Amino acid sequence: MRGPDTWGSMFRHQIERCWRKPVRVGDEAASMKVEFVVKLTREGKLDGQPEVLPGSKSATSDYARAYQASALRAITDCQPFTLPAEYYDQWKHFHPVFMEWPAGQGQPAAGELDTRKLSICRGC
């Protein structure tokens, strides 16, 4: 494993331990997806508050707001992140995508993971 495969899985594992997602409610839960802009220092600490990317699904319902808040809390509470220093240029600024994935439908599309986006899928 190299590059995003290495640090991406490390970041994902650390986030999954901290993410306390709200309980699923109806069909809305199956379509949740929120993308953040995250900047980290070399020490793995946040370099500013993570921001929700404007293209993310709008948090208009109580569940959507709770889902977005839980993802943000996971990013904040899990720091400092332990990531390989040799890939700092790749993980100093990236976009993790938090999403629900319908049960029994496999993994998210490979396109969801590149050097700038990192999927964090629950229930895959």
PDB file of N, CA and C in Angstrom:
ATOM      1  N   MET A   1       0.839  -1.190   0.000  1.00  0.00           N
ATOM      2  CA  MET A   1       0.000   0.000   0.000  1.00  0.00           C
ATOM      3  C   MET A   1       0.874   1.240   0.000  1.00  0.00           C
ATOM      4  N   ARG A   2       0.449   2.226  -0.796  1.00  0.00           N
ATOM      5  CA  ARG A   2       1.228   3.450  -0.873  1.00  0.00           C
ATOM      6  C   ARG A   2       0.287   4.643  -0.927  1.00  0.00           C
ATOM      7  N   GLY A   3       0.806   5.795  -0.562  1.00  0.00           N
ATOM      8  CA  GLY A   3       0.066   7.044  -0.679  1.00  0.00           C
ATOM      9  C   GLY A   3      -1.283   7.006   0.001  1.00  0.00           C
ATOM     10  N   PRO A   4      -2.335   7.449  -0.734  1.00  0.00           N
ATOM     11  CA  PRO A   4      -3.663   7.543  -0.140  1.00  0.00           C
ATOM     12  C   PRO A   4      -4.178   6.210   0.402  1.00  0.00           C
ATOM     13  N   ASP A   5      -3.762   5.096  -0.225  1.00  0.00           N
ATOM     14  CA  ASP A   5      -4.193   3.799   0.290  1.00  0.00           C
ATOM     15  C   ASP A   5      -3.688   3.593   1.712  1.00  0.00           C
ATOM     16  N   THR A   6      -2.477   4.031   1.980  1.00  0.00           N
ATOM     17  CA  THR A   6      -1.875   3.872   3.301  1.00  0.00           C
ATOM     18  C   THR A   6      -2.483   4.835   4.306  1.00  0.00           C
ATOM     19  N   TRP A   7      -2.337   6.129   4.062  1.00  0.00           N
ATOM     20  CA  TRP A   7      -2.815   7.093   5.051  1.00  0.00           C
ATOM     21  C   TRP A   7      -4.333   7.162   5.071  1.00  0.00           C
ATOM     22  N   GLY A   8      -4.964   6.888   3.935  1.00  0.00           N
ATOM     23  CA  GLY A   8      -6.425   6.909   3.884  1.00  0.00           C
ATOM     24  C   GLY A   8      -7.045   5.866   4.790  1.00  0.00           C
ATOM     25  N   SER A   9      -6.534   4.658   4.740  1.00  0.00           N
ATOM     26  CA  SER A   9      -7.082   3.607   5.600  1.00  0.00           C
ATOM     27  C   SER A   9      -6.750   3.876   7.067  1.00  0.00           C
ATOM     28  N   MET A  10      -5.604   4.483   7.331  1.00  0.00           N
ATOM     29  CA  MET A  10      -5.254   4.833   8.711  1.00  0.00           C
ATOM     30  C   MET A  10      -6.206   5.900   9.253  1.00  0.00           C
ATOM     31  N   PHE A  11      -6.470   6.934   8.449  1.00  0.00           N
ATOM     32  CA  PHE A  11      -7.391   7.993   8.862  1.00  0.00           C
ATOM     33  C   PHE A  11      -8.785   7.407   9.073  1.00  0.00           C
ATOM     34  N   ARG A  12      -9.243   6.610   8.125  1.00  0.00           N
ATOM     35  CA  ARG A  12     -10.574   6.005   8.196  1.00  0.00           C
ATOM     36  C   ARG A  12     -10.716   5.179   9.476  1.00  0.00           C
ATOM     37  N   HIS A  13      -9.729   4.369   9.792  1.00  0.00           N
ATOM     38  CA  HIS A  13      -9.785   3.530  10.991  1.00  0.00           C
ATOM     39  C   HIS A  13      -9.870   4.387  12.256  1.00  0.00           C
ATOM     40  N   GLN A  14      -9.099   5.452  12.315  1.00  0.00           N
ATOM     41  CA  GLN A  14      -9.122   6.324  13.494  1.00  0.00           C
ATOM     42  C   GLN A  14     -10.474   7.018  13.634  1.00  0.00           C
ATOM     43  N   ILE A  15     -11.035   7.483  12.520  1.00  0.00           N
ATOM     44  CA  ILE A  15     -12.339   8.150  12.551  1.00  0.00           C
ATOM     45  C   ILE A  15     -13.435   7.174  12.973  1.00  0.00           C
ATOM     46  N   GLU A  16     -13.406   5.970  12.433  1.00  0.00           N
ATOM     47  CA  GLU A  16     -14.452   4.992  12.741  1.00  0.00           C
ATOM     48  C   GLU A  16     -14.527   4.677  14.228  1.00  0.00           C
ATOM     49  N   ARG A  17     -13.412   4.757  14.926  1.00  0.00           N
ATOM     50  CA  ARG A  17     -13.423   4.508  16.375  1.00  0.00           C
ATOM     51  C   ARG A  17     -14.114   5.634  17.132  1.00  0.00           C
ATOM     52  N   CYS A  18     -14.137   6.833  16.575  1.00  0.00           N
ATOM     53  CA  CYS A  18     -14.700   7.998  17.258  1.00  0.00           C
ATOM     54  C   CYS A  18     -16.108   8.364  16.792  1.00  0.00           C
ATOM     55  N   TRP A  19     -16.523   7.873  15.649  1.00  0.00           N
ATOM     56  CA  TRP A  19     -17.780   8.338  15.058  1.00  0.00           C
ATOM     57  C   TRP A  19     -18.981   7.698  15.740  1.00  0.00           C
ATOM     58  N   ARG A  20     -19.752   8.510  16.413  1.00  0.00           N
ATOM     59  CA  ARG A  20     -20.987   8.086  17.068  1.00  0.00           C
ATOM     60  C   ARG A  20     -22.138   8.654  16.248  1.00  0.00           C
ATOM     61  N   LYS A  21     -22.512   7.910  15.243  1.00  0.00           N
ATOM     62  CA  LYS A  21     -23.507   8.329  14.276  1.00  0.00           C
ATOM     63  C   LYS A  21     -24.909   8.231  14.870  1.00  0.00           C
ATOM     64  N   PRO A  22     -25.818   9.164  14.503  1.00  0.00           N
ATOM     65  CA  PRO A  22     -27.192   9.060  14.997  1.00  0.00           C
ATOM     66  C   PRO A  22     -27.884   7.816  14.427  1.00  0.00           C
ATOM     67  N   VAL A  23     -28.909   7.376  15.107  1.00  0.00           N
ATOM     68  CA  VAL A  23     -29.662   6.197  14.683  1.00  0.00           C
ATOM     69  C   VAL A  23     -30.368   6.484  13.364  1.00  0.00           C
ATOM     70  N   ARG A  24     -30.313   5.510  12.461  1.00  0.00           N
ATOM     71  CA  ARG A  24     -30.969   5.652  11.154  1.00  0.00           C
ATOM     72  C   ARG A  24     -32.467   5.874  11.314  1.00  0.00           C
ATOM     73  N   VAL A  25     -32.995   6.760  10.452  1.00  0.00           N
ATOM     74  CA  VAL A  25     -34.424   7.027  10.451  1.00  0.00           C
ATOM     75  C   VAL A  25     -34.901   7.046   9.002  1.00  0.00           C
ATOM     76  N   GLY A  26     -35.650   6.045   8.603  1.00  0.00           N
ATOM     77  CA  GLY A  26     -36.277   6.022   7.287  1.00  0.00           C
ATOM     78  C   GLY A  26     -35.322   6.069   6.113  1.00  0.00           C
ATOM     79  N   ASP A  27     -35.889   6.458   4.963  1.00  0.00           N
ATOM     80  CA  ASP A  27     -35.138   6.503   3.709  1.00  0.00           C
ATOM     81  C   ASP A  27     -34.069   7.584   3.696  1.00  0.00           C
ATOM     82  N   GLU A  28     -34.286   8.650   4.449  1.00  0.00           N
ATOM     83  CA  GLU A  28     -33.322   9.752   4.441  1.00  0.00           C
ATOM     84  C   GLU A  28     -31.932   9.279   4.859  1.00  0.00           C
ATOM     85  N   ALA A  29     -31.875   8.370   5.811  1.00  0.00           N
ATOM     86  CA  ALA A  29     -30.585   7.895   6.315  1.00  0.00           C
ATOM     87  C   ALA A  29     -29.768   7.210   5.228  1.00  0.00           C
ATOM     88  N   ALA A  30     -30.438   6.532   4.316  1.00  0.00           N
ATOM     89  CA  ALA A  30     -29.728   5.787   3.273  1.00  0.00           C
ATOM     90  C   ALA A  30     -29.048   6.696   2.259  1.00  0.00           C
ATOM     91  N   SER A  31     -29.444   7.957   2.206  1.00  0.00           N
ATOM     92  CA  SER A  31     -28.870   8.854   1.196  1.00  0.00           C
ATOM     93  C   SER A  31     -27.969   9.930   1.792  1.00  0.00           C
ATOM     94  N   MET A  32     -27.592   9.781   3.040  1.00  0.00           N
ATOM     95  CA  MET A  32     -26.765  10.805   3.682  1.00  0.00           C
ATOM     96  C   MET A  32     -25.355  10.806   3.115  1.00  0.00           C
ATOM     97  N   LYS A  33     -24.852  12.013   2.874  1.00  0.00           N
ATOM     98  CA  LYS A  33     -23.485  12.174   2.391  1.00  0.00           C
ATOM     99  C   LYS A  33     -23.059  13.596   2.722  1.00  0.00           C
ATOM    100  N   VAL A  34     -21.961  13.727   3.436  1.00  0.00           N
ATOM    101  CA  VAL A  34     -21.437  15.054   3.763  1.00  0.00           C
ATOM    102  C   VAL A  34     -19.925  15.032   3.557  1.00  0.00           C
ATOM    103  N   GLU A  35     -19.440  16.070   2.896  1.00  0.00           N
ATOM    104  CA  GLU A  35     -18.013  16.172   2.579  1.00  0.00           C
ATOM    105  C   GLU A  35     -17.434  17.388   3.294  1.00  0.00           C
ATOM    106  N   PHE A  36     -16.297  17.192   3.914  1.00  0.00           N
ATOM    107  CA  PHE A  36     -15.627  18.259   4.651  1.00  0.00           C
ATOM    108  C   PHE A  36     -14.328  18.651   3.971  1.00  0.00           C
ATOM    109  N   VAL A  37     -13.894  19.865   4.227  1.00  0.00           N
ATOM    110  CA  VAL A  37     -12.551  20.312   3.874  1.00  0.00           C
ATOM    111  C   VAL A  37     -11.763  20.248   5.175  1.00  0.00           C
ATOM    112  N   VAL A  38     -10.706  19.434   5.199  1.00  0.00           N
ATOM    113  CA  VAL A  38      -9.911  19.240   6.410  1.00  0.00           C
ATOM    114  C   VAL A  38      -8.462  19.617   6.127  1.00  0.00           C
ATOM    115  N   LYS A  39      -7.904  20.401   7.032  1.00  0.00           N
ATOM    116  CA  LYS A  39      -6.482  20.760   6.959  1.00  0.00           C
ATOM    117  C   LYS A  39      -5.835  20.324   8.265  1.00  0.00           C
ATOM    118  N   LEU A  40      -4.700  19.641   8.141  1.00  0.00           N
ATOM    119  CA  LEU A  40      -3.998  19.122   9.315  1.00  0.00           C
ATOM    120  C   LEU A  40      -2.570  19.647   9.379  1.00  0.00           C
ATOM    121  N   THR A  41      -2.073  19.774  10.606  1.00  0.00           N
ATOM    122  CA  THR A  41      -0.666  20.120  10.815  1.00  0.00           C
ATOM    123  C   THR A  41       0.162  18.843  10.702  1.00  0.00           C
ATOM    124  N   ARG A  42       1.467  18.986  10.675  1.00  0.00           N
ATOM    125  CA  ARG A  42       2.350  17.811  10.626  1.00  0.00           C
ATOM    126  C   ARG A  42       2.144  16.895  11.834  1.00  0.00           C
ATOM    127  N   GLU A  43       1.672  17.453  12.934  1.00  0.00           N
ATOM    128  CA  GLU A  43       1.442  16.672  14.154  1.00  0.00           C
ATOM    129  C   GLU A  43       0.108  15.939  14.117  1.00  0.00           C
ATOM    130  N   GLY A  44      -0.667  16.096  13.049  1.00  0.00           N
ATOM    131  CA  GLY A  44      -1.954  15.425  12.923  1.00  0.00           C
ATOM    132  C   GLY A  44      -3.095  16.142  13.603  1.00  0.00           C
ATOM    133  N   LYS A  45      -2.882  17.400  13.979  1.00  0.00           N
ATOM    134  CA  LYS A  45      -3.938  18.196  14.609  1.00  0.00           C
ATOM    135  C   LYS A  45      -4.615  19.059  13.554  1.00  0.00           C
ATOM    136  N   LEU A  46      -5.866  19.421  13.830  1.00  0.00           N
ATOM    137  CA  LEU A  46      -6.590  20.280  12.907  1.00  0.00           C
ATOM    138  C   LEU A  46      -5.910  21.633  12.791  1.00  0.00           C
ATOM    139  N   ASP A  47      -5.807  22.104  11.577  1.00  0.00           N
ATOM    140  CA  ASP A  47      -5.283  23.438  11.293  1.00  0.00           C
ATOM    141  C   ASP A  47      -6.482  24.285  10.888  1.00  0.00           C
ATOM    142  N   GLY A  48      -7.282  24.646  11.876  1.00  0.00           N
ATOM    143  CA  GLY A  48      -8.532  25.366  11.631  1.00  0.00           C
ATOM    144  C   GLY A  48      -9.719  24.422  11.722  1.00  0.00           C
ATOM    145  N   GLN A  49     -10.892  24.996  11.776  1.00  0.00           N
ATOM    146  CA  GLN A  49     -12.129  24.223  11.883  1.00  0.00           C
ATOM    147  C   GLN A  49     -12.467  23.574  10.541  1.00  0.00           C
ATOM    148  N   PRO A  50     -12.795  22.276  10.516  1.00  0.00           N
ATOM    149  CA  PRO A  50     -13.227  21.652   9.263  1.00  0.00           C
ATOM    150  C   PRO A  50     -14.480  22.352   8.739  1.00  0.00           C
ATOM    151  N   GLU A  51     -14.572  22.450   7.428  1.00  0.00           N
ATOM    152  CA  GLU A  51     -15.718  23.108   6.804  1.00  0.00           C
ATOM    153  C   GLU A  51     -16.487  22.107   5.965  1.00  0.00           C
ATOM    154  N   VAL A  52     -17.821  22.257   5.958  1.00  0.00           N
ATOM    155  CA  VAL A  52     -18.650  21.427   5.094  1.00  0.00           C
ATOM    156  C   VAL A  52     -18.512  21.972   3.685  1.00  0.00           C
ATOM    157  N   LEU A  53     -18.207  21.097   2.745  1.00  0.00           N
ATOM    158  CA  LEU A  53     -18.066  21.508   1.354  1.00  0.00           C
ATOM    159  C   LEU A  53     -19.436  21.933   0.826  1.00  0.00           C
ATOM    160  N   PRO A  54     -19.506  23.073   0.144  1.00  0.00           N
ATOM    161  CA  PRO A  54     -20.793  23.589  -0.329  1.00  0.00           C
ATOM    162  C   PRO A  54     -21.614  22.597  -1.148  1.00  0.00           C
ATOM    163  N   GLY A  55     -20.989  21.691  -1.861  1.00  0.00           N
ATOM    164  CA  GLY A  55     -21.727  20.734  -2.683  1.00  0.00           C
ATOM    165  C   GLY A  55     -22.344  19.587  -1.903  1.00  0.00           C
ATOM    166  N   SER A  56     -22.087  19.505  -0.588  1.00  0.00           N
ATOM    167  CA  SER A  56     -22.642  18.418   0.219  1.00  0.00           C
ATOM    168  C   SER A  56     -24.145  18.583   0.351  1.00  0.00           C
ATOM    169  N   LYS A  57     -24.798  17.476   0.655  1.00  0.00           N
ATOM    170  CA  LYS A  57     -26.241  17.509   0.855  1.00  0.00           C
ATOM    171  C   LYS A  57     -26.563  18.476   1.988  1.00  0.00           C
ATOM    172  N   SER A  58     -27.518  19.332   1.747  1.00  0.00           N
ATOM    173  CA  SER A  58     -27.904  20.336   2.727  1.00  0.00           C
ATOM    174  C   SER A  58     -28.497  19.675   3.970  1.00  0.00           C
ATOM    175  N   ALA A  59     -28.073  20.149   5.127  1.00  0.00           N
ATOM    176  CA  ALA A  59     -28.574  19.618   6.398  1.00  0.00           C
ATOM    177  C   ALA A  59     -29.860  20.347   6.765  1.00  0.00           C
ATOM    178  N   THR A  60     -30.966  19.917   6.154  1.00  0.00           N
ATOM    179  CA  THR A  60     -32.235  20.612   6.356  1.00  0.00           C
ATOM    180  C   THR A  60     -33.130  19.933   7.380  1.00  0.00           C
ATOM    181  N   SER A  61     -32.961  18.657   7.619  1.00  0.00           N
ATOM    182  CA  SER A  61     -33.793  17.952   8.588  1.00  0.00           C
ATOM    183  C   SER A  61     -33.024  17.772   9.892  1.00  0.00           C
ATOM    184  N   ASP A  62     -33.743  17.379  10.922  1.00  0.00           N
ATOM    185  CA  ASP A  62     -33.094  17.118  12.207  1.00  0.00           C
ATOM    186  C   ASP A  62     -32.056  16.011  12.069  1.00  0.00           C
ATOM    187  N   TYR A  63     -32.409  14.947  11.326  1.00  0.00           N
ATOM    188  CA  TYR A  63     -31.469  13.839  11.156  1.00  0.00           C
ATOM    189  C   TYR A  63     -30.228  14.292  10.395  1.00  0.00           C
ATOM    190  N   ALA A  64     -30.415  15.047   9.323  1.00  0.00           N
ATOM    191  CA  ALA A  64     -29.275  15.507   8.517  1.00  0.00           C
ATOM    192  C   ALA A  64     -28.346  16.387   9.350  1.00  0.00           C
ATOM    193  N   ARG A  65     -28.917  17.265  10.159  1.00  0.00           N
ATOM    194  CA  ARG A  65     -28.089  18.121  11.022  1.00  0.00           C
ATOM    195  C   ARG A  65     -27.338  17.287  12.057  1.00  0.00           C
ATOM    196  N   ALA A  66     -28.021  16.292  12.634  1.00  0.00           N
ATOM    197  CA  ALA A  66     -27.377  15.427  13.628  1.00  0.00           C
ATOM    198  C   ALA A  66     -26.269  14.594  12.982  1.00  0.00           C
ATOM    199  N   TYR A  67     -26.501  14.121  11.766  1.00  0.00           N
ATOM    200  CA  TYR A  67     -25.510  13.322  11.039  1.00  0.00           C
ATOM    201  C   TYR A  67     -24.268  14.157  10.754  1.00  0.00           C
ATOM    202  N   GLN A  68     -24.487  15.358  10.243  1.00  0.00           N
ATOM    203  CA  GLN A  68     -23.377  16.266   9.934  1.00  0.00           C
ATOM    204  C   GLN A  68     -22.600  16.610  11.196  1.00  0.00           C
ATOM    205  N   ALA A  69     -23.316  16.903  12.282  1.00  0.00           N
ATOM    206  CA  ALA A  69     -22.659  17.247  13.547  1.00  0.00           C
ATOM    207  C   ALA A  69     -21.860  16.065  14.093  1.00  0.00           C
ATOM    208  N   SER A  70     -22.384  14.843  13.931  1.00  0.00           N
ATOM    209  CA  SER A  70     -21.665  13.667  14.438  1.00  0.00           C
ATOM    210  C   SER A  70     -20.371  13.438  13.660  1.00  0.00           C
ATOM    211  N   ALA A  71     -20.399  13.675  12.355  1.00  0.00           N
ATOM    212  CA  ALA A  71     -19.190  13.526  11.535  1.00  0.00           C
ATOM    213  C   ALA A  71     -18.152  14.581  11.923  1.00  0.00           C
ATOM    214  N   LEU A  72     -18.600  15.811  12.114  1.00  0.00           N
ATOM    215  CA  LEU A  72     -17.694  16.885  12.522  1.00  0.00           C
ATOM    216  C   LEU A  72     -17.083  16.585  13.890  1.00  0.00           C
ATOM    217  N   ARG A  73     -17.912  16.087  14.800  1.00  0.00           N
ATOM    218  CA  ARG A  73     -17.422  15.737  16.140  1.00  0.00           C
ATOM    219  C   ARG A  73     -16.367  14.634  16.060  1.00  0.00           C
ATOM    220  N   ALA A  74     -16.570  13.667  15.170  1.00  0.00           N
ATOM    221  CA  ALA A  74     -15.589  12.583  15.013  1.00  0.00           C
ATOM    222  C   ALA A  74     -14.249  13.136  14.552  1.00  0.00           C
ATOM    223  N   ILE A  75     -14.271  14.053  13.591  1.00  0.00           N
ATOM    224  CA  ILE A  75     -13.022  14.653  13.102  1.00  0.00           C
ATOM    225  C   ILE A  75     -12.327  15.403  14.233  1.00  0.00           C
ATOM    226  N   THR A  76     -13.096  16.158  14.985  1.00  0.00           N
ATOM    227  CA  THR A  76     -12.541  16.978  16.063  1.00  0.00           C
ATOM    228  C   THR A  76     -12.045  16.122  17.232  1.00  0.00           C
ATOM    229  N   ASP A  77     -12.856  15.150  17.645  1.00  0.00           N
ATOM    230  CA  ASP A  77     -12.526  14.344  18.824  1.00  0.00           C
ATOM    231  C   ASP A  77     -11.391  13.349  18.593  1.00  0.00           C
ATOM    232  N   CYS A  78     -11.189  12.920  17.359  1.00  0.00           N
ATOM    233  CA  CYS A  78     -10.171  11.893  17.074  1.00  0.00           C
ATOM    234  C   CYS A  78      -8.755  12.448  16.967  1.00  0.00           C
ATOM    235  N   GLN A  79      -8.617  13.728  16.827  1.00  0.00           N
ATOM    236  CA  GLN A  79      -7.274  14.301  16.684  1.00  0.00           C
ATOM    237  C   GLN A  79      -6.493  14.186  17.982  1.00  0.00           C
ATOM    238  N   PRO A  80      -5.195  14.111  17.928  1.00  0.00           N
ATOM    239  CA  PRO A  80      -4.355  14.165  16.736  1.00  0.00           C
ATOM    240  C   PRO A  80      -4.363  12.821  16.005  1.00  0.00           C
ATOM    241  N   PHE A  81      -4.322  12.888  14.687  1.00  0.00           N
ATOM    242  CA  PHE A  81      -4.302  11.700  13.848  1.00  0.00           C
ATOM    243  C   PHE A  81      -2.867  11.222  13.678  1.00  0.00           C
ATOM    244  N   THR A  82      -2.695   9.913  13.694  1.00  0.00           N
ATOM    245  CA  THR A  82      -1.384   9.317  13.476  1.00  0.00           C
ATOM    246  C   THR A  82      -1.320   8.885  12.022  1.00  0.00           C
ATOM    247  N   LEU A  83      -0.602   9.661  11.215  1.00  0.00           N
ATOM    248  CA  LEU A  83      -0.503   9.418   9.776  1.00  0.00           C
ATOM    249  C   LEU A  83       0.961   9.462   9.358  1.00  0.00           C
ATOM    250  N   PRO A  84       1.334   8.752   8.296  1.00  0.00           N
ATOM    251  CA  PRO A  84       2.745   8.687   7.886  1.00  0.00           C
ATOM    252  C   PRO A  84       3.279  10.036   7.402  1.00  0.00           C
ATOM    253  N   ALA A  85       4.339  10.483   8.038  1.00  0.00           N
ATOM    254  CA  ALA A  85       4.933  11.791   7.730  1.00  0.00           C
ATOM    255  C   ALA A  85       5.356  11.915   6.276  1.00  0.00           C
ATOM    256  N   GLU A  86       5.781  10.812   5.657  1.00  0.00           N
ATOM    257  CA  GLU A  86       6.265  10.891   4.271  1.00  0.00           C
ATOM    258  C   GLU A  86       5.158  11.255   3.278  1.00  0.00           C
ATOM    259  N   TYR A  87       3.894  11.166   3.700  1.00  0.00           N
ATOM    260  CA  TYR A  87       2.778  11.530   2.822  1.00  0.00           C
ATOM    261  C   TYR A  87       2.096  12.821   3.262  1.00  0.00           C
ATOM    262  N   TYR A  88       2.774  13.603   4.086  1.00  0.00           N
ATOM    263  CA  TYR A  88       2.163  14.830   4.605  1.00  0.00           C
ATOM    264  C   TYR A  88       1.615  15.723   3.498  1.00  0.00           C
ATOM    265  N   ASP A  89       2.308  15.847   2.397  1.00  0.00           N
ATOM    266  CA  ASP A  89       1.817  16.696   1.308  1.00  0.00           C
ATOM    267  C   ASP A  89       0.471  16.227   0.777  1.00  0.00           C
ATOM    268  N   GLN A  90       0.144  14.956   0.954  1.00  0.00           N
ATOM    269  CA  GLN A  90      -1.142  14.430   0.505  1.00  0.00           C
ATOM    270  C   GLN A  90      -2.235  14.606   1.556  1.00  0.00           C
ATOM    271  N   TRP A  91      -1.896  14.446   2.840  1.00  0.00           N
ATOM    272  CA  TRP A  91      -2.934  14.505   3.862  1.00  0.00           C
ATOM    273  C   TRP A  91      -3.026  15.831   4.611  1.00  0.00           C
ATOM    274  N   LYS A  92      -2.217  16.797   4.254  1.00  0.00           N
ATOM    275  CA  LYS A  92      -2.305  18.086   4.957  1.00  0.00           C
ATOM    276  C   LYS A  92      -3.586  18.832   4.591  1.00  0.00           C
ATOM    277  N   HIS A  93      -4.163  18.529   3.435  1.00  0.00           N
ATOM    278  CA  HIS A  93      -5.402  19.162   2.983  1.00  0.00           C
ATOM    279  C   HIS A  93      -6.158  18.148   2.135  1.00  0.00           C
ATOM    280  N   PHE A  94      -7.290  17.672   2.632  1.00  0.00           N
ATOM    281  CA  PHE A  94      -8.069  16.680   1.886  1.00  0.00           C
ATOM    282  C   PHE A  94      -9.545  16.799   2.243  1.00  0.00           C
ATOM    283  N   HIS A  95     -10.368  16.030   1.563  1.00  0.00           N
ATOM    284  CA  HIS A  95     -11.822  16.107   1.713  1.00  0.00           C
ATOM    285  C   HIS A  95     -12.396  14.746   2.097  1.00  0.00           C
ATOM    286  N   PRO A  96     -12.551  14.448   3.378  1.00  0.00           N
ATOM    287  CA  PRO A  96     -13.200  13.188   3.734  1.00  0.00           C
ATOM    288  C   PRO A  96     -14.698  13.273   3.446  1.00  0.00           C
ATOM    289  N   VAL A  97     -15.250  12.197   2.924  1.00  0.00           N
ATOM    290  CA  VAL A  97     -16.672  12.118   2.601  1.00  0.00           C
ATOM    291  C   VAL A  97     -17.305  11.102   3.547  1.00  0.00           C
ATOM    292  N   PHE A  98     -18.240  11.562   4.362  1.00  0.00           N
ATOM    293  CA  PHE A  98     -18.967  10.692   5.283  1.00  0.00           C
ATOM    294  C   PHE A  98     -20.294  10.351   4.619  1.00  0.00           C
ATOM    295  N   MET A  99     -20.608   9.059   4.533  1.00  0.00           N
ATOM    296  CA  MET A  99     -21.849   8.678   3.861  1.00  0.00           C
ATOM    297  C   MET A  99     -22.419   7.389   4.415  1.00  0.00           C
ATOM    298  N   GLU A 100     -23.697   7.233   4.187  1.00  0.00           N
ATOM    299  CA  GLU A 100     -24.375   5.978   4.468  1.00  0.00           C
ATOM    300  C   GLU A 100     -24.337   5.165   3.189  1.00  0.00           C
ATOM    301  N   TRP A 101     -24.330   3.889   3.337  1.00  0.00           N
ATOM    302  CA  TRP A 101     -24.341   3.007   2.168  1.00  0.00           C
ATOM    303  C   TRP A 101     -25.385   1.949   2.434  1.00  0.00           C
ATOM    304  N   PRO A 102     -26.371   1.815   1.542  1.00  0.00           N
ATOM    305  CA  PRO A 102     -27.445   0.845   1.780  1.00  0.00           C
ATOM    306  C   PRO A 102     -26.903  -0.551   2.067  1.00  0.00           C
ATOM    307  N   ALA A 103     -27.451  -1.183   3.059  1.00  0.00           N
ATOM    308  CA  ALA A 103     -27.009  -2.523   3.444  1.00  0.00           C
ATOM    309  C   ALA A 103     -27.134  -3.484   2.274  1.00  0.00           C
ATOM    310  N   GLY A 104     -26.141  -4.342   2.132  1.00  0.00           N
ATOM    311  CA  GLY A 104     -26.171  -5.358   1.098  1.00  0.00           C
ATOM    312  C   GLY A 104     -25.812  -4.872  -0.291  1.00  0.00           C
ATOM    313  N   GLN A 105     -25.324  -3.645  -0.423  1.00  0.00           N
ATOM    314  CA  GLN A 105     -24.995  -3.126  -1.746  1.00  0.00           C
ATOM    315  C   GLN A 105     -23.501  -2.944  -1.943  1.00  0.00           C
ATOM    316  N   GLY A 106     -22.702  -3.675  -1.198  1.00  0.00           N
ATOM    317  CA  GLY A 106     -21.258  -3.641  -1.408  1.00  0.00           C
ATOM    318  C   GLY A 106     -20.615  -2.358  -0.945  1.00  0.00           C
ATOM    319  N   GLN A 107     -19.472  -2.065  -1.524  1.00  0.00           N
ATOM    320  CA  GLN A 107     -18.676  -0.896  -1.152  1.00  0.00           C
ATOM    321  C   GLN A 107     -18.998   0.294  -2.054  1.00  0.00           C
ATOM    322  N   PRO A 108     -18.669   1.516  -1.621  1.00  0.00           N
ATOM    323  CA  PRO A 108     -18.836   2.690  -2.468  1.00  0.00           C
ATOM    324  C   PRO A 108     -17.978   2.577  -3.726  1.00  0.00           C
ATOM    325  N   ALA A 109     -18.347   3.330  -4.734  1.00  0.00           N
ATOM    326  CA  ALA A 109     -17.602   3.333  -5.993  1.00  0.00           C
ATOM    327  C   ALA A 109     -16.162   3.754  -5.753  1.00  0.00           C
ATOM    328  N   ALA A 110     -15.257   3.176  -6.507  1.00  0.00           N
ATOM    329  CA  ALA A 110     -13.833   3.476  -6.353  1.00  0.00           C
ATOM    330  C   ALA A 110     -13.549   4.952  -6.562  1.00  0.00           C
ATOM    331  N   GLY A 111     -14.353   5.635  -7.351  1.00  0.00           N
ATOM    332  CA  GLY A 111     -14.149   7.052  -7.613  1.00  0.00           C
ATOM    333  C   GLY A 111     -14.300   7.929  -6.393  1.00  0.00           C
ATOM    334  N   GLU A 112     -14.867   7.399  -5.337  1.00  0.00           N
ATOM    335  CA  GLU A 112     -15.032   8.175  -4.116  1.00  0.00           C
ATOM    336  C   GLU A 112     -13.713   8.362  -3.379  1.00  0.00           C
ATOM    337  N   LEU A 113     -12.677   7.633  -3.776  1.00  0.00           N
ATOM    338  CA  LEU A 113     -11.405   7.748  -3.075  1.00  0.00           C
ATOM    339  C   LEU A 113     -10.308   8.163  -4.047  1.00  0.00           C
ATOM    340  N   ASP A 114      -9.772   9.348  -3.837  1.00  0.00           N
ATOM    341  CA  ASP A 114      -8.598   9.775  -4.588  1.00  0.00           C
ATOM    342  C   ASP A 114      -7.714  10.549  -3.623  1.00  0.00           C
ATOM    343  N   THR A 115      -6.728  11.269  -4.114  1.00  0.00           N
ATOM    344  CA  THR A 115      -5.795  11.922  -3.201  1.00  0.00           C
ATOM    345  C   THR A 115      -6.425  13.088  -2.452  1.00  0.00           C
ATOM    346  N   ARG A 116      -7.554  13.593  -2.894  1.00  0.00           N
ATOM    347  CA  ARG A 116      -8.190  14.721  -2.224  1.00  0.00           C
ATOM    348  C   ARG A 116      -9.470  14.337  -1.497  1.00  0.00           C
ATOM    349  N   LYS A 117     -10.095  13.234  -1.883  1.00  0.00           N
ATOM    350  CA  LYS A 117     -11.320  12.796  -1.228  1.00  0.00           C
ATOM    351  C   LYS A 117     -11.064  11.468  -0.536  1.00  0.00           C
ATOM    352  N   LEU A 118     -11.672  11.298   0.590  1.00  0.00           N
ATOM    353  CA  LEU A 118     -11.517  10.076   1.358  1.00  0.00           C
ATOM    354  C   LEU A 118     -12.886   9.666   1.862  1.00  0.00           C
ATOM    355  N   SER A 119     -13.377   8.537   1.451  1.00  0.00           N
ATOM    356  CA  SER A 119     -14.690   8.079   1.885  1.00  0.00           C
ATOM    357  C   SER A 119     -14.608   7.445   3.264  1.00  0.00           C
ATOM    358  N   ILE A 120     -15.591   7.737   4.072  1.00  0.00           N
ATOM    359  CA  ILE A 120     -15.757   7.104   5.366  1.00  0.00           C
ATOM    360  C   ILE A 120     -17.166   6.535   5.318  1.00  0.00           C
ATOM    361  N   CYS A 121     -17.286   5.274   5.056  1.00  0.00           N
ATOM    362  CA  CYS A 121     -18.590   4.661   4.842  1.00  0.00           C
ATOM    363  C   CYS A 121     -18.964   3.810   6.039  1.00  0.00           C
ATOM    364  N   ARG A 122     -20.148   4.010   6.570  1.00  0.00           N
ATOM    365  CA  ARG A 122     -20.635   3.194   7.677  1.00  0.00           C
ATOM    366  C   ARG A 122     -21.677   2.219   7.149  1.00  0.00           C
ATOM    367  N   GLY A 123     -21.637   1.013   7.615  1.00  0.00           N
ATOM    368  CA  GLY A 123     -22.616   0.018   7.216  1.00  0.00           C
ATOM    369  C   GLY A 123     -22.292  -0.663   5.904  1.00  0.00           C
ATOM    370  N   CYS A 124     -21.062  -0.528   5.412  1.00  0.00           N
ATOM    371  CA  CYS A 124     -20.685  -1.164   4.145  1.00  0.00           C
ATOM    372  C   CYS A 124     -20.526  -2.654   4.341  1.00  0.00           C
TER     373      CYS A 124
END
